[in-house]
Amino acid sequence: MRAILIRGLIVAVTVGSILTLINQFERVIAFEPLNWWKMGLSFVVPFCVSVFSALAVKP
């Protein structure tokens, strides 16, 4: 279970960072305030998908 959570965190940080840059690129390069709600979801959703899919195939 611990390995699944660690892998989920790695996926969340990687995919979440990419999604944040894609969705809020203009704000990032202009040093404007980010939309924290969207940014949070960009990290939470990949984590949930990763953990759920790993648990779904676990015997």
Protein backbone atom coordinates (compact mmCIF):
# COMPACT_ATOMS: atom_id res chain seq x y z
CA MET A 1 0.00 0.00 0.00
CA ARG A 2 2.85 2.38 0.82
CA ALA A 3 4.44 1.83 -2.60
CA ILE A 4 1.14 2.65 -4.30
CA LEU A 5 0.84 5.93 -2.38
CA ILE A 6 4.44 6.92 -3.13
CA ARG A 7 3.94 6.16 -6.82
CA GLY A 8 0.69 8.14 -6.73
CA LEU A 9 2.51 11.15 -5.26
CA ILE A 10 5.21 10.96 -7.93
CA VAL A 11 2.56 10.80 -10.66
CA ALA A 12 0.63 13.68 -9.05
CA VAL A 13 3.68 15.95 -8.86
CA THR A 14 4.77 15.17 -12.42
CA VAL A 15 1.39 15.29 -14.15
CA GLY A 16 0.06 18.07 -11.91
CA SER A 17 3.00 20.32 -12.76
CA ILE A 18 2.54 19.72 -16.47
CA LEU A 19 -1.23 20.35 -16.27
CA THR A 20 -0.71 23.53 -14.27
CA LEU A 21 1.69 24.84 -16.90
CA ILE A 22 -0.70 23.92 -19.69
CA ASN A 23 -3.77 25.42 -18.03
CA GLN A 24 -2.21 28.52 -16.49
CA PHE A 25 0.83 29.22 -18.65
CA GLU A 26 -0.10 32.85 -19.29
CA ARG A 27 -0.41 33.54 -15.56
CA VAL A 28 2.84 31.75 -14.74
CA ILE A 29 4.94 33.72 -17.24
CA ALA A 30 3.24 37.02 -16.33
CA PHE A 31 3.77 36.43 -12.59
CA GLU A 32 0.03 36.90 -12.00
CA PRO A 33 -1.82 35.16 -9.17
CA LEU A 34 -2.65 31.57 -9.98
CA ASN A 35 -6.07 30.03 -9.69
CA TRP A 36 -5.36 27.81 -6.68
CA TRP A 37 -8.56 25.79 -7.09
CA LYS A 38 -7.58 24.70 -10.62
CA MET A 39 -4.00 24.13 -9.54
CA GLY A 40 -5.08 21.92 -6.66
CA LEU A 41 -7.31 19.84 -8.90
CA SER A 42 -4.43 19.46 -11.36
CA PHE A 43 -2.56 17.57 -8.63
CA VAL A 44 -5.41 15.77 -6.85
CA VAL A 45 -7.00 14.20 -9.95
CA PRO A 46 -3.84 12.41 -11.22
CA PHE A 47 -3.13 11.18 -7.68
CA CYS A 48 -6.63 9.73 -7.33
CA VAL A 49 -6.54 8.12 -10.78
CA SER A 50 -3.13 6.59 -10.14
CA VAL A 51 -4.01 5.19 -6.72
CA PHE A 52 -7.45 3.96 -7.80
CA SER A 53 -6.11 2.18 -10.89
CA ALA A 54 -3.29 0.57 -8.89
CA LEU A 55 -5.75 -0.67 -6.26
CA ALA A 56 -8.20 -1.88 -8.89
CA VAL A 57 -5.67 -4.30 -10.42
CA LYS A 58 -4.21 -5.43 -7.09
CA PRO A 59 -5.31 -9.00 -6.33
